[in-house]
C-alpha cells in the first residue's frame, strides 16, 4: 500500500511539472505567427512565396508581413496581412470565444 502511494505521488509530481512546463512555454510565445512574403508572388494554388525577413524591413522590395496561415514548403496560404490584436485569443469577426446567455446568445432582439 505504501509503495502504491509513493508511485501515485511521483506520478502527480511528473504530471504537475509537465503542466507547469506547458504553461511556461505558452506564456513565452507572445510573438504572433508571422512570415515575410512577396506580396506580388500570389498563386491561387500555393498562396504567397516566403522570402527573407530582410525584405520586410524598411526599404524592403515587395516584402510584407503575413500573419498566421499554413506553411507548405516555401509558400504560405490562409493568413492575413493584418496583425492580430494583442489578447484577441484568435477569434475573428469581433465575437469573443465565450458566449454568455441562453436561448440564442443575446444576438438580435427578442420577439414580443
C-alpha atoms as a PDB file:
ATOM      1  CA  UNK A   1       0.000   0.000   0.000  1.00  0.00           C
ATOM      2  CA  UNK A   2       2.785   2.402   0.905  1.00  0.00           C
ATOM      3  CA  UNK A   3       4.528   1.573  -2.375  1.00  0.00           C
ATOM      4  CA  UNK A   4       1.374   2.407  -4.380  1.00  0.00           C
ATOM      5  CA  UNK A   5       1.088   5.755  -2.582  1.00  0.00           C
ATOM      6  CA  UNK A   6       4.695   6.561  -3.412  1.00  0.00           C
ATOM      7  CA  UNK A   7       4.105   5.809  -7.101  1.00  0.00           C
ATOM      8  CA  UNK A   8       0.996   7.962  -7.090  1.00  0.00           C
ATOM      9  CA  UNK A   9       2.923  10.892  -5.601  1.00  0.00           C
ATOM     10  CA  UNK A  10       5.687  10.622  -8.193  1.00  0.00           C
ATOM     11  CA  UNK A  11       3.104  10.476 -10.989  1.00  0.00           C
ATOM     12  CA  UNK A  12       1.417  13.569  -9.584  1.00  0.00           C
ATOM     13  CA  UNK A  13       4.760  15.402  -9.414  1.00  0.00           C
ATOM     14  CA  UNK A  14       5.613  14.456 -13.009  1.00  0.00           C
ATOM     15  CA  UNK A  15       2.190  15.470 -14.329  1.00  0.00           C
ATOM     16  CA  UNK A  16       2.215  18.695 -12.332  1.00  0.00           C
ATOM     17  CA  UNK A  17       5.677  19.519 -13.624  1.00  0.00           C
ATOM     18  CA  UNK A  18       4.589  18.919 -17.205  1.00  0.00           C
ATOM     19  CA  UNK A  19       1.646  21.269 -16.707  1.00  0.00           C
ATOM     20  CA  UNK A  20       3.961  23.985 -15.432  1.00  0.00           C
ATOM     21  CA  UNK A  21       6.302  23.467 -18.371  1.00  0.00           C
ATOM     22  CA  UNK A  22       3.421  23.734 -20.854  1.00  0.00           C
ATOM     23  CA  UNK A  23       2.192  26.922 -19.186  1.00  0.00           C
ATOM     24  CA  UNK A  24       5.669  28.464 -19.250  1.00  0.00           C
ATOM     25  CA  UNK A  25       6.186  27.651 -22.910  1.00  0.00           C
ATOM     26  CA  UNK A  26       2.800  29.052 -23.850  1.00  0.00           C
ATOM     27  CA  UNK A  27       3.457  32.266 -21.939  1.00  0.00           C
ATOM     28  CA  UNK A  28       6.788  32.757 -23.706  1.00  0.00           C
ATOM     29  CA  UNK A  29       5.294  32.598 -27.190  1.00  0.00           C
ATOM     30  CA  UNK A  30       3.842  36.120 -27.294  1.00  0.00           C
ATOM     31  CA  UNK A  31       5.143  36.830 -30.789  1.00  0.00           C
ATOM     32  CA  UNK A  32       2.485  36.449 -33.471  1.00  0.00           C
ATOM     33  CA  UNK A  33       2.981  33.767 -36.100  1.00  0.00           C
ATOM     34  CA  UNK A  34       4.272  35.879 -38.981  1.00  0.00           C
ATOM     35  CA  UNK A  35       6.323  35.378 -42.106  1.00  0.00           C
ATOM     36  CA  UNK A  36       7.798  37.771 -44.628  1.00  0.00           C
ATOM     37  CA  UNK A  37       6.233  37.180 -48.046  1.00  0.00           C
ATOM     38  CA  UNK A  38       6.493  38.700 -51.505  1.00  0.00           C
ATOM     39  CA  UNK A  39       3.164  40.473 -51.988  1.00  0.00           C
ATOM     40  CA  UNK A  40       3.373  40.124 -55.778  1.00  0.00           C
ATOM     41  CA  UNK A  41       4.002  36.353 -55.728  1.00  0.00           C
ATOM     42  CA  UNK A  42       0.436  35.170 -55.027  1.00  0.00           C
ATOM     43  CA  UNK A  43      -0.677  31.972 -56.770  1.00  0.00           C
ATOM     44  CA  UNK A  44      -4.143  30.532 -56.228  1.00  0.00           C
ATOM     45  CA  UNK A  45      -2.792  27.006 -55.822  1.00  0.00           C
ATOM     46  CA  UNK A  46       0.011  27.895 -53.362  1.00  0.00           C
ATOM     47  CA  UNK A  47      -0.543  31.296 -51.765  1.00  0.00           C
ATOM     48  CA  UNK A  48       2.359  33.704 -51.144  1.00  0.00           C
ATOM     49  CA  UNK A  49       6.090  32.981 -51.551  1.00  0.00           C
ATOM     50  CA  UNK A  50       8.021  33.255 -48.273  1.00  0.00           C
ATOM     51  CA  UNK A  51      11.111  35.466 -48.572  1.00  0.00           C
ATOM     52  CA  UNK A  52      13.886  36.546 -46.213  1.00  0.00           C
ATOM     53  CA  UNK A  53      12.847  38.688 -43.223  1.00  0.00           C
ATOM     54  CA  UNK A  54      15.257  41.369 -44.516  1.00  0.00           C
ATOM     55  CA  UNK A  55      12.752  42.092 -47.287  1.00  0.00           C
ATOM     56  CA  UNK A  56      10.200  43.204 -44.695  1.00  0.00           C
ATOM     57  CA  UNK A  57      12.464  45.804 -43.104  1.00  0.00           C
ATOM     58  CA  UNK A  58      12.425  49.438 -44.057  1.00  0.00           C
ATOM     59  CA  UNK A  59      13.072  49.834 -47.769  1.00  0.00           C
ATOM     60  CA  UNK A  60      12.353  46.146 -48.455  1.00  0.00           C
ATOM     61  CA  UNK A  61      11.390  45.403 -52.044  1.00  0.00           C
ATOM     62  CA  UNK A  62       7.972  43.737 -52.051  1.00  0.00           C
ATOM     63  CA  UNK A  63       8.252  42.093 -48.644  1.00  0.00           C
ATOM     64  CA  UNK A  64       5.317  42.396 -46.265  1.00  0.00           C
ATOM     65  CA  UNK A  65       4.453  40.580 -43.035  1.00  0.00           C
ATOM     66  CA  UNK A  66       1.863  37.823 -43.407  1.00  0.00           C
ATOM     67  CA  UNK A  67       0.239  36.570 -40.200  1.00  0.00           C
ATOM     68  CA  UNK A  68      -0.962  33.052 -39.374  1.00  0.00           C
ATOM     69  CA  UNK A  69      -1.706  30.851 -42.374  1.00  0.00           C
ATOM     70  CA  UNK A  70      -0.485  27.355 -43.113  1.00  0.00           C
ATOM     71  CA  UNK A  71       3.005  26.855 -44.495  1.00  0.00           C
ATOM     72  CA  UNK A  72       3.816  24.323 -47.215  1.00  0.00           C
ATOM     73  CA  UNK A  73       7.446  24.351 -48.273  1.00  0.00           C
ATOM     74  CA  UNK A  74       8.359  27.943 -49.095  1.00  0.00           C
ATOM     75  CA  UNK A  75       4.732  29.049 -49.554  1.00  0.00           C
ATOM     76  CA  UNK A  76       2.066  30.173 -47.081  1.00  0.00           C
ATOM     77  CA  UNK A  77      -1.689  30.490 -47.526  1.00  0.00           C
ATOM     78  CA  UNK A  78      -4.835  31.157 -45.498  1.00  0.00           C
ATOM     79  CA  UNK A  79      -3.497  34.006 -43.371  1.00  0.00           C
ATOM     80  CA  UNK A  80      -3.787  37.773 -43.328  1.00  0.00           C
ATOM     81  CA  UNK A  81      -1.712  40.916 -43.837  1.00  0.00           C
ATOM     82  CA  UNK A  82      -3.373  42.374 -40.736  1.00  0.00           C
ATOM     83  CA  UNK A  83      -1.562  41.754 -37.452  1.00  0.00           C
ATOM     84  CA  UNK A  84      -3.727  40.081 -34.793  1.00  0.00           C
ATOM     85  CA  UNK A  85      -4.677  42.284 -31.863  1.00  0.00           C
ATOM     86  CA  UNK A  86      -2.984  41.536 -28.559  1.00  0.00           C
ATOM     87  CA  UNK A  87      -5.122  39.294 -26.404  1.00  0.00           C
ATOM     88  CA  UNK A  88      -7.554  38.560 -29.204  1.00  0.00           C
ATOM     89  CA  UNK A  89      -7.399  34.848 -28.492  1.00  0.00           C
ATOM     90  CA  UNK A  90      -7.507  34.047 -32.170  1.00  0.00           C
ATOM     91  CA  UNK A  91     -11.193  34.747 -32.640  1.00  0.00           C
ATOM     92  CA  UNK A  92     -12.391  36.653 -35.654  1.00  0.00           C
ATOM     93  CA  UNK A  93     -15.370  38.693 -36.658  1.00  0.00           C
ATOM     94  CA  UNK A  94     -15.459  40.735 -33.467  1.00  0.00           C
ATOM     95  CA  UNK A  95     -17.020  37.954 -31.408  1.00  0.00           C
ATOM     96  CA  UNK A  96     -15.354  36.571 -28.319  1.00  0.00           C
ATOM     97  CA  UNK A  97     -14.887  32.864 -27.819  1.00  0.00           C
ATOM     98  CA  UNK A  98     -17.045  32.932 -24.670  1.00  0.00           C
ATOM     99  CA  UNK A  99     -20.789  33.213 -25.160  1.00  0.00           C
ATOM    100  CA  UNK A 100     -22.877  34.169 -22.193  1.00  0.00           C
ATOM    101  CA  UNK A 101     -26.617  33.974 -22.136  1.00  0.00           C
ATOM    102  CA  UNK A 102     -29.013  31.360 -23.370  1.00  0.00           C
ATOM    103  CA  UNK A 103     -31.708  30.952 -25.953  1.00  0.00           C
ATOM    104  CA  UNK A 104     -29.738  32.478 -28.813  1.00  0.00           C
ATOM    105  CA  UNK A 105     -26.795  34.025 -27.009  1.00  0.00           C
ATOM    106  CA  UNK A 106     -28.115  37.587 -26.909  1.00  0.00           C
ATOM    107  CA  UNK A 107     -27.754  38.427 -30.615  1.00  0.00           C
ATOM    108  CA  UNK A 108     -30.567  40.495 -32.091  1.00  0.00           C
ATOM    109  CA  UNK A 109     -33.818  41.251 -30.373  1.00  0.00           C
ATOM    110  CA  UNK A 110     -36.334  39.002 -28.717  1.00  0.00           C
ATOM    111  CA  UNK A 111     -39.802  38.551 -30.110  1.00  0.00           C
ATOM    112  CA  UNK A 112     -42.611  40.186 -28.357  1.00  0.00           C
END
